[in-house]
Amino acid sequence: MDMPIKFDTLAYAKKLEEAGLPQQQAEAQSLALRDALAESTVTPGDLVLLKTDVVARIEMLRSEMQAQIEKLRGDLQGQIAKLRDDLQAQIEKLHDDLQGQIEKLRSDLQGQIEKLRSDLQGQIEKVRSDLQGQIEKVRSDLQGQIEKVRSDLQGQIDELKAHMNIRFNILYMLTGLALVLHGVTLGVLFKILSRLP
């Protein structure tokens, strides 16, 4: 069963005339277009066949696309696995390289630290020795000065003692002389008193 296409030839011809075409030419074009459309009508059987063909093509395309997707998935998974392995190998190599560099740096720094420690220890020992020498020199100088002061003071003390001994001796003598004079004076007084009536 044909499915007619609705086409108003009269309205179409009028529009062509309004656009400036002569009436005969507008009618001829509208009739030619009607005939062309009549020949290109589609039957329901044609539509069913077309639908079946389109569905089959869609299914075939879906199967092909599914196969391509699966192949692409497999390829990508393989590439991802290879990339993962490559990256893992690069990471491990980088880790080993960095570990080696870290160990070398640690060893270099440890050597520098030991050298610096040794240098500083030597400088500390030199400063200690210099200071010890200076301390000993100051101690010796001070000891000498102390001994000189002690000797000077001892001399002054001995001189003072001698001077004091001389004074005490003079004092003893004067005291003795005073006692003798008192004794003589008392003796003279007793004699005078004994002669008195």
Protein backbone atom coordinates (compact mmCIF):
# COMPACT_ATOMS: atom_id res chain seq x y z
CA MET A 1 0.00 0.00 0.00
CA ASP A 2 1.39 3.32 -1.10
CA MET A 3 1.61 6.14 1.42
CA PRO A 4 0.70 9.29 -0.53
CA ILE A 5 2.60 12.44 0.26
CA LYS A 6 0.30 15.43 0.76
CA PHE A 7 1.31 18.17 -1.67
CA ASP A 8 -0.89 21.18 -2.63
CA THR A 9 0.15 21.98 -6.21
CA LEU A 10 -2.13 25.03 -6.46
CA ALA A 11 -0.71 26.69 -3.31
CA TYR A 12 2.81 25.92 -4.51
CA ALA A 13 2.14 27.45 -7.96
CA LYS A 14 0.68 30.60 -6.35
CA LYS A 15 3.79 31.03 -4.20
CA LEU A 16 5.98 30.72 -7.27
CA GLU A 17 3.84 33.34 -9.10
CA GLU A 18 4.13 35.66 -6.08
CA ALA A 19 7.88 35.18 -6.25
CA GLY A 20 7.83 36.49 -9.83
CA LEU A 21 7.55 33.39 -12.05
CA PRO A 22 5.04 33.42 -14.93
CA GLN A 23 1.84 31.43 -14.28
CA GLN A 24 2.55 28.71 -16.86
CA GLN A 25 6.06 28.15 -15.55
CA ALA A 26 4.80 28.06 -11.91
CA GLU A 27 2.10 25.50 -12.81
CA ALA A 28 4.59 23.37 -14.79
CA GLN A 29 7.02 23.28 -11.88
CA SER A 30 4.31 22.38 -9.35
CA LEU A 31 3.07 19.50 -11.57
CA ALA A 32 6.62 18.24 -12.14
CA LEU A 33 7.27 18.28 -8.42
CA ARG A 34 4.00 16.39 -7.75
CA ASP A 35 4.99 13.65 -10.23
CA ALA A 36 8.47 13.34 -8.73
CA LEU A 37 7.05 13.02 -5.23
CA ALA A 38 4.52 10.44 -6.39
CA GLU A 39 7.28 8.23 -7.77
CA SER A 40 9.23 8.36 -4.54
CA THR A 41 6.55 7.11 -2.20
CA VAL A 42 7.37 4.28 0.21
CA THR A 43 5.27 1.20 1.04
CA PRO A 44 4.96 -0.27 4.60
CA GLY A 45 6.79 -3.37 3.33
CA ASP A 46 9.63 -1.15 2.21
CA LEU A 47 9.71 0.37 5.70
CA VAL A 48 9.76 -3.06 7.38
CA LEU A 49 12.59 -4.20 5.11
CA LEU A 50 14.40 -0.93 5.74
CA LYS A 51 13.89 -1.30 9.50
CA THR A 52 15.14 -4.91 9.44
CA ASP A 53 18.12 -3.89 7.35
CA VAL A 54 18.90 -0.92 9.62
CA VAL A 55 18.53 -3.09 12.77
CA ALA A 56 20.81 -5.74 11.25
CA ARG A 57 23.35 -3.11 10.28
CA ILE A 58 23.13 -1.57 13.77
CA GLU A 59 23.66 -5.01 15.35
CA MET A 60 26.57 -5.70 13.01
CA LEU A 61 28.02 -2.27 13.76
CA ARG A 62 27.46 -2.87 17.50
CA SER A 63 29.26 -6.24 17.26
CA GLU A 64 32.11 -4.69 15.29
CA MET A 65 32.35 -1.77 17.71
CA GLN A 66 32.18 -4.16 20.68
CA ALA A 67 34.98 -6.24 19.16
CA GLN A 68 37.03 -3.10 18.50
CA ILE A 69 36.33 -1.86 22.03
CA GLU A 70 37.41 -5.22 23.48
CA LYS A 71 40.51 -5.20 21.29
CA LEU A 72 41.21 -1.60 22.29
CA ARG A 73 40.62 -2.50 25.96
CA GLY A 74 43.05 -5.42 25.66
CA ASP A 75 45.59 -3.25 23.84
CA LEU A 76 45.22 -0.46 26.41
CA GLN A 77 45.44 -2.90 29.32
CA GLY A 78 48.60 -4.33 27.80
CA GLN A 79 50.01 -0.85 27.26
CA ILE A 80 48.99 0.17 30.79
CA ALA A 81 50.63 -2.96 32.23
CA LYS A 82 53.77 -2.30 30.16
CA LEU A 83 53.74 1.36 31.19
CA ARG A 84 53.24 0.32 34.84
CA ASP A 85 56.17 -2.12 34.58
CA ASP A 86 58.33 0.51 32.84
CA LEU A 87 57.46 3.16 35.40
CA GLN A 88 58.01 0.71 38.26
CA ALA A 89 61.42 -0.18 36.83
CA GLN A 90 62.25 3.52 36.41
CA ILE A 91 61.06 4.25 39.96
CA GLU A 92 63.17 1.40 41.34
CA LYS A 93 66.19 2.56 39.30
CA LEU A 94 65.65 6.14 40.47
CA HIS A 95 65.27 4.88 44.04
CA ASP A 96 68.51 2.91 43.76
CA ASP A 97 70.30 5.89 42.15
CA LEU A 98 69.03 8.29 44.80
CA GLN A 99 69.87 5.80 47.55
CA GLY A 100 73.40 5.54 46.17
CA GLN A 101 73.69 9.33 45.96
CA ILE A 102 72.34 9.67 49.50
CA GLU A 103 74.84 7.09 50.78
CA LYS A 104 77.68 8.85 48.93
CA LEU A 105 76.56 12.22 50.30
CA ARG A 106 76.27 10.74 53.80
CA SER A 107 79.76 9.26 53.49
CA ASP A 108 81.19 12.55 52.14
CA LEU A 109 79.52 14.57 54.88
CA GLN A 110 80.64 12.07 57.52
CA GLY A 111 84.21 12.41 56.25
CA GLN A 112 83.96 16.20 56.31
CA ILE A 113 82.47 16.10 59.81
CA GLU A 114 85.27 13.82 61.02
CA LYS A 115 87.90 16.08 59.42
CA LEU A 116 86.27 19.16 60.94
CA ARG A 117 86.06 17.42 64.32
CA SER A 118 89.74 16.47 64.09
CA ASP A 119 90.74 20.00 63.02
CA LEU A 120 88.68 21.57 65.80
CA GLN A 121 90.02 19.06 68.32
CA GLY A 122 93.56 20.00 67.29
CA GLN A 123 92.76 23.69 67.59
CA ILE A 124 91.12 23.12 70.98
CA GLU A 125 94.16 21.18 72.18
CA LYS A 126 96.47 23.95 70.92
CA VAL A 127 94.37 26.63 72.66
CA ARG A 128 94.27 24.47 75.82
CA SER A 129 98.05 24.01 75.69
CA ASP A 130 98.62 27.74 75.06
CA LEU A 131 96.26 28.69 77.88
CA GLN A 132 97.83 26.10 80.18
CA GLY A 133 101.26 27.56 79.42
CA GLN A 134 99.98 31.07 80.07
CA ILE A 135 98.32 29.93 83.30
CA GLU A 136 101.54 28.25 84.42
CA LYS A 137 103.52 31.40 83.54
CA VAL A 138 101.06 33.61 85.43
CA ARG A 139 101.12 31.15 88.36
CA SER A 140 104.92 31.15 88.34
CA ASP A 141 105.05 34.96 88.10
CA LEU A 142 102.50 35.33 90.89
CA GLN A 143 104.32 32.71 92.98
CA GLY A 144 107.54 34.67 92.52
CA GLN A 145 105.81 37.91 93.45
CA ILE A 146 104.18 36.25 96.46
CA GLU A 147 107.54 34.87 97.56
CA LYS A 148 109.13 38.30 97.10
CA VAL A 149 106.34 39.97 99.09
CA ARG A 150 106.60 37.24 101.75
CA SER A 151 110.38 37.70 101.91
CA ASP A 152 110.02 41.49 102.05
CA LEU A 153 107.38 41.24 104.77
CA GLN A 154 109.45 38.68 106.69
CA GLY A 155 112.43 41.05 106.51
CA GLN A 156 110.31 43.93 107.71
CA ILE A 157 108.84 41.75 110.48
CA ASP A 158 112.32 40.61 111.52
CA GLU A 159 113.53 44.20 111.42
CA LEU A 160 110.51 45.29 113.47
CA LYS A 161 111.13 42.45 115.95
CA ALA A 162 114.75 43.49 116.32
CA HIS A 163 113.72 47.09 116.76
CA MET A 164 111.08 46.08 119.33
CA ASN A 165 113.61 43.87 121.16
CA ILE A 166 115.95 46.83 121.41
CA ARG A 167 113.14 48.99 122.78
CA PHE A 168 112.08 46.26 125.20
CA ASN A 169 115.69 45.90 126.35
CA ILE A 170 115.92 49.66 126.89
CA LEU A 171 112.58 49.56 128.71
CA TYR A 172 113.79 46.66 130.90
CA MET A 173 116.95 48.55 131.67
CA LEU A 174 115.09 51.73 132.50
CA THR A 175 112.65 49.78 134.66
CA GLY A 176 115.54 48.08 136.43
CA LEU A 177 117.28 51.42 136.87
CA ALA A 178 114.08 52.96 138.21
CA LEU A 179 113.72 50.10 140.72
CA VAL A 180 117.32 50.50 141.80
CA LEU A 181 116.83 54.25 142.18
CA HIS A 182 113.68 53.66 144.21
CA GLY A 183 115.51 51.18 146.37
CA VAL A 184 118.37 53.63 146.95
CA THR A 185 115.91 56.43 147.62
CA LEU A 186 114.03 54.28 150.12
CA GLY A 187 117.27 53.25 151.76
CA VAL A 188 118.35 56.88 152.10
CA LEU A 189 114.93 57.79 153.50
CA PHE A 190 115.06 54.99 156.06
CA LYS A 191 118.50 56.15 157.11
CA ILE A 192 117.36 59.71 157.50
CA LEU A 193 114.29 58.60 159.39
CA SER A 194 116.31 56.40 161.69
CA ARG A 195 118.56 59.32 162.70
CA LEU A 196 115.68 61.51 163.64
CA PRO A 197 114.87 61.61 167.32
